[in-house]
Amino acid sequence: MSPFSVCVYCGSRPGNTPRYTTEAEALGAGIAERGWQLVYGAGDVGLMGSVARAAQAGGADTFGVIPRHLVDWEVGKTDLTRYVVTETMHERKKVMFMNCDAVVVLPGGAGSLDELFEVLTWRQLGLHEKPVVLVNVGGYWDPLIALLDHVVAGGFADASLLDYFEVTDSAASTLSALAKTLN
């Protein structure tokens, strides 16, 4: 039986707050400690690299997926358990999502938002029921959460949209939330 697989979406930059890196490292280490598999964007830079190196250091299986055009930019991490190079970003997202049991979103930029909104849209359309956890390190995602509340209040989404993800504030609370989905 395959290990529980956690897809982590996060920044290819470290951000300007050291706690982002600390939480990314704690998440990677926690995934390894539980015997889970990390699925992520295969980069060795920013928070992506931090979560992957920590997972590897703890002995976790690591499954990285990167599109050909980002191999140099994101410094494709070829020493993973599995390293897949795709032709497009769309393929990357599909392969990552199809190989995970849950999605975790650490702080990140436009790419992380794209990935988050795609899985939320798929959930809204009934295409999956995988847990999605938004890690709100230091309130990073507060403006996004307010925007989603605004979308619902404005009548552009049913209130159930807000039930399709859980908000945590740290790697530890994220790992606990994911563990509960296994019971």
Protein backbone atom coordinates (compact mmCIF):
# COMPACT_ATOMS: atom_id res chain seq x y z
CA MET A 1 0.00 0.00 0.00
CA SER A 2 1.30 3.46 -0.91
CA PRO A 3 2.05 5.94 1.86
CA PHE A 4 -0.26 8.87 2.46
CA SER A 5 0.86 11.50 -0.04
CA VAL A 6 0.78 15.22 0.68
CA CYS A 7 1.03 17.66 -2.20
CA VAL A 8 2.60 20.92 -1.06
CA TYR A 9 2.13 24.09 -3.07
CA CYS A 10 4.43 26.92 -2.01
CA GLY A 11 6.72 29.68 -3.14
CA SER A 12 9.77 29.24 -5.33
CA ARG A 13 11.13 32.12 -3.25
CA PRO A 14 11.66 32.13 0.52
CA GLY A 15 9.60 35.27 1.14
CA ASN A 16 10.74 38.03 3.44
CA THR A 17 9.93 36.40 6.77
CA PRO A 18 12.24 33.66 8.15
CA ARG A 19 9.24 31.91 9.71
CA TYR A 20 8.04 30.89 6.23
CA THR A 21 11.19 28.81 5.77
CA THR A 22 11.03 27.49 9.33
CA GLU A 23 7.46 26.26 8.81
CA ALA A 24 8.29 24.77 5.38
CA GLU A 25 11.16 22.83 6.97
CA ALA A 26 8.93 21.70 9.85
CA LEU A 27 6.28 20.53 7.39
CA GLY A 28 8.82 18.52 5.37
CA ALA A 29 10.28 16.99 8.53
CA GLY A 30 6.79 16.18 9.84
CA ILE A 31 5.81 14.48 6.59
CA ALA A 32 8.91 12.29 6.87
CA GLU A 33 8.37 11.58 10.57
CA ARG A 34 4.91 10.19 9.81
CA GLY A 35 6.11 8.03 6.92
CA TRP A 36 4.16 10.07 4.38
CA GLN A 37 5.25 11.00 0.88
CA LEU A 38 5.90 14.56 -0.26
CA VAL A 39 4.57 15.54 -3.68
CA TYR A 40 5.68 18.97 -4.84
CA GLY A 41 6.95 21.07 -7.73
CA ALA A 42 10.48 19.57 -7.84
CA GLY A 43 12.30 22.87 -7.33
CA ASP A 44 15.34 23.30 -5.11
CA VAL A 45 14.76 27.00 -4.44
CA GLY A 46 12.61 28.99 -2.04
CA LEU A 47 10.11 27.24 0.18
CA MET A 48 9.92 24.37 -2.32
CA GLY A 49 13.55 23.51 -1.72
CA SER A 50 13.19 23.93 2.03
CA VAL A 51 10.25 21.54 2.37
CA ALA A 52 11.89 18.97 0.07
CA ARG A 53 15.31 18.99 1.74
CA ALA A 54 13.69 18.59 5.17
CA ALA A 55 11.52 15.71 3.95
CA GLN A 56 14.55 14.02 2.38
CA ALA A 57 16.64 14.51 5.52
CA GLY A 58 13.94 12.67 7.45
CA GLY A 59 13.86 9.80 4.97
CA ALA A 60 10.56 10.58 3.22
CA ASP A 61 9.74 9.49 -0.29
CA THR A 62 9.76 12.60 -2.45
CA PHE A 63 7.88 12.92 -5.72
CA GLY A 64 8.75 16.05 -7.69
CA VAL A 65 7.10 17.28 -10.87
CA ILE A 66 8.52 20.13 -12.91
CA PRO A 67 7.80 21.45 -16.41
CA ARG A 68 10.76 21.46 -18.80
CA HIS A 69 10.84 25.26 -19.05
CA LEU A 70 11.34 25.64 -15.28
CA VAL A 71 14.12 23.07 -14.78
CA ASP A 72 16.84 25.74 -14.80
CA TRP A 73 14.80 28.56 -13.22
CA GLU A 74 13.56 26.53 -10.25
CA VAL A 75 16.74 24.41 -10.16
CA GLY A 76 15.12 21.01 -10.73
CA LYS A 77 15.93 18.78 -7.76
CA THR A 78 16.99 15.57 -9.47
CA ASP A 79 17.93 13.61 -6.30
CA LEU A 80 14.29 12.95 -5.36
CA THR A 81 12.77 9.49 -5.02
CA ARG A 82 10.82 10.25 -8.20
CA TYR A 83 11.54 13.18 -10.52
CA VAL A 84 9.15 13.84 -13.39
CA VAL A 85 9.66 16.44 -16.11
CA THR A 86 6.49 17.49 -17.94
CA GLU A 87 5.98 19.53 -21.08
CA THR A 88 3.55 22.06 -19.56
CA MET A 89 2.42 23.64 -16.30
CA HIS A 90 -1.00 22.04 -16.82
CA GLU A 91 0.58 18.59 -16.93
CA ARG A 92 2.62 19.40 -13.83
CA LYS A 93 -0.48 20.33 -11.83
CA LYS A 94 -2.37 17.27 -13.03
CA VAL A 95 0.44 14.83 -12.18
CA MET A 96 0.95 16.39 -8.75
CA PHE A 97 -2.74 16.32 -7.91
CA MET A 98 -3.31 12.78 -9.22
CA ASN A 99 -0.48 11.50 -7.01
CA CYS A 100 -1.62 12.96 -3.71
CA ASP A 101 -4.17 12.30 -1.01
CA ALA A 102 -4.22 15.84 0.39
CA VAL A 103 -3.11 19.34 -0.59
CA VAL A 104 -1.26 21.81 1.63
CA VAL A 105 -0.65 25.42 0.60
CA LEU A 106 2.20 27.28 2.29
CA PRO A 107 2.88 30.96 1.56
CA GLY A 108 3.60 31.58 -2.09
CA GLY A 109 2.89 33.77 -5.08
CA ALA A 110 0.80 33.63 -8.22
CA GLY A 111 1.72 30.02 -8.97
CA SER A 112 0.61 28.85 -5.54
CA LEU A 113 -2.63 30.80 -5.92
CA ASP A 114 -3.22 29.23 -9.33
CA GLU A 115 -2.73 25.76 -7.87
CA LEU A 116 -4.98 26.49 -4.89
CA PHE A 117 -7.80 27.91 -6.98
CA GLU A 118 -7.69 25.01 -9.39
CA VAL A 119 -8.13 22.43 -6.61
CA LEU A 120 -10.85 24.56 -4.97
CA THR A 121 -12.68 24.83 -8.29
CA TRP A 122 -12.40 21.09 -8.86
CA ARG A 123 -13.79 20.49 -5.37
CA GLN A 124 -16.64 22.94 -5.98
CA LEU A 125 -17.48 20.99 -9.15
CA GLY A 126 -17.49 17.69 -7.25
CA LEU A 127 -14.37 16.31 -8.95
CA HIS A 128 -12.61 15.40 -5.70
CA GLU A 129 -12.96 15.35 -1.93
CA LYS A 130 -9.31 15.58 -0.96
CA PRO A 131 -8.50 17.70 2.08
CA VAL A 132 -7.03 21.13 1.30
CA VAL A 133 -5.16 22.96 4.03
CA LEU A 134 -4.14 26.62 3.79
CA VAL A 135 -1.21 27.28 6.13
CA ASN A 136 -1.70 30.86 7.27
CA VAL A 137 1.80 31.47 8.64
CA GLY A 138 1.84 34.78 10.48
CA GLY A 139 -1.46 35.80 8.85
CA TYR A 140 0.01 35.59 5.34
CA TRP A 141 -3.26 34.35 3.81
CA ASP A 142 -5.57 36.70 5.77
CA PRO A 143 -6.26 38.92 2.69
CA LEU A 144 -7.07 35.83 0.60
CA ILE A 145 -9.43 34.47 3.25
CA ALA A 146 -11.15 37.87 3.37
CA LEU A 147 -11.44 37.84 -0.42
CA LEU A 148 -13.06 34.40 -0.39
CA ASP A 149 -15.51 35.61 2.27
CA HIS A 150 -16.23 38.59 -0.01
CA VAL A 151 -16.83 36.30 -3.01
CA VAL A 152 -19.41 34.35 -0.99
CA ALA A 153 -20.99 37.52 0.45
CA GLY A 154 -21.22 38.95 -3.07
CA GLY A 155 -23.21 35.96 -4.25
CA PHE A 156 -20.57 34.54 -6.60
CA ALA A 157 -20.07 31.31 -4.67
CA ASP A 158 -22.07 29.23 -2.27
CA ALA A 159 -20.97 29.37 1.36
CA SER A 160 -19.88 25.74 0.98
CA LEU A 161 -16.77 27.05 -0.83
CA LEU A 162 -15.42 28.04 2.57
CA ASP A 163 -15.81 24.44 3.77
CA TYR A 164 -13.55 23.08 1.01
CA PHE A 165 -10.39 24.08 2.82
CA GLU A 166 -9.13 24.25 6.37
CA VAL A 167 -6.99 27.08 7.67
CA THR A 168 -4.11 26.32 10.03
CA ASP A 169 -1.35 28.56 11.34
CA SER A 170 1.70 26.28 11.47
CA ALA A 171 3.25 23.08 10.22
CA ALA A 172 2.35 21.36 13.50
CA SER A 173 -1.34 22.24 13.28
CA THR A 174 -1.35 21.28 9.59
CA LEU A 175 0.13 17.86 10.29
CA SER A 176 -2.46 17.31 13.05
CA ALA A 177 -5.28 18.32 10.70
CA LEU A 178 -4.02 15.90 8.04
CA ALA A 179 -3.65 13.07 10.56
CA LYS A 180 -7.33 13.49 11.50
CA THR A 181 -8.33 12.86 7.87
CA LEU A 182 -6.75 9.41 8.10
CA ASN A 183 -9.02 8.27 10.92
